[in-house]
Amino acid sequence: MDANALAVLDTLREEGSATGATARLRINTLAMSRSLGRVQRATGDQMLVRTGHTTTSTP
């Protein structure tokens, strides 16, 4: 897992939405999705779940 993928995860957690995180990181949604996928595969955990219009960290 690389530092960029962790930065994406951290920003997603802070922003609570993919739209806010992509704007803040200045990346597109495909790059966001791929980075989050790398984190999920490395940890074996979803890490974030959608709750309404926001995302929430998994326990």
Protein backbone atom coordinates (compact mmCIF):
# COMPACT_ATOMS: atom_id res chain seq x y z
CA MET A 1 0.00 0.00 0.00
CA ASP A 2 1.37 3.41 -0.89
CA ALA A 3 1.19 6.77 0.87
CA ASN A 4 -1.10 8.22 -1.81
CA ALA A 5 -3.73 5.56 -1.12
CA LEU A 6 -3.57 6.35 2.59
CA ALA A 7 -3.92 10.07 1.84
CA VAL A 8 -7.05 9.32 -0.19
CA LEU A 9 -8.52 7.28 2.67
CA ASP A 10 -7.73 10.01 5.20
CA THR A 11 -9.25 12.71 3.02
CA LEU A 12 -12.37 10.63 2.39
CA ARG A 13 -12.80 10.18 6.14
CA GLU A 14 -12.36 13.90 6.78
CA GLU A 15 -14.60 15.11 3.96
CA GLY A 16 -17.28 12.46 4.39
CA SER A 17 -17.94 12.37 0.65
CA ALA A 18 -16.13 11.35 -2.49
CA THR A 19 -17.06 14.62 -4.19
CA GLY A 20 -15.44 16.71 -1.47
CA ALA A 21 -12.39 14.48 -1.32
CA THR A 22 -11.80 14.50 -5.08
CA ALA A 23 -12.08 18.29 -5.16
CA ARG A 24 -9.69 18.68 -2.24
CA LEU A 25 -7.13 16.23 -3.66
CA ARG A 26 -7.66 17.45 -7.24
CA ILE A 27 -8.05 13.93 -8.60
CA ASN A 28 -10.85 12.29 -10.56
CA THR A 29 -13.28 9.74 -9.20
CA LEU A 30 -11.57 6.85 -11.01
CA ALA A 31 -8.26 7.62 -9.27
CA MET A 32 -10.11 7.89 -5.95
CA SER A 33 -11.81 4.54 -6.48
CA ARG A 34 -8.57 2.78 -7.43
CA SER A 35 -6.71 4.17 -4.42
CA LEU A 36 -9.48 3.14 -2.06
CA GLY A 37 -9.52 -0.30 -3.67
CA ARG A 38 -5.79 -0.72 -2.97
CA VAL A 39 -6.35 0.09 0.71
CA GLN A 40 -9.31 -2.28 0.91
CA ARG A 41 -7.39 -5.16 -0.69
CA ALA A 42 -4.37 -4.58 1.57
CA THR A 43 -6.42 -4.55 4.77
CA GLY A 44 -9.22 -6.94 3.85
CA ASP A 45 -11.72 -4.37 5.15
CA GLN A 46 -14.12 -2.06 3.32
CA MET A 47 -12.82 0.83 5.47
CA LEU A 48 -15.71 3.11 4.52
CA VAL A 49 -19.41 2.48 4.00
CA ARG A 50 -22.01 4.73 2.49
CA THR A 51 -24.58 6.09 4.94
CA GLY A 52 -27.07 8.27 3.11
CA HIS A 53 -25.16 11.02 1.34
CA THR A 54 -21.94 10.58 3.33
CA THR A 55 -19.37 7.90 4.07
CA THR A 56 -18.63 6.46 7.49
CA SER A 57 -15.64 4.49 8.74
CA THR A 58 -16.21 0.83 9.46
CA PRO A 59 -15.71 -0.34 13.05
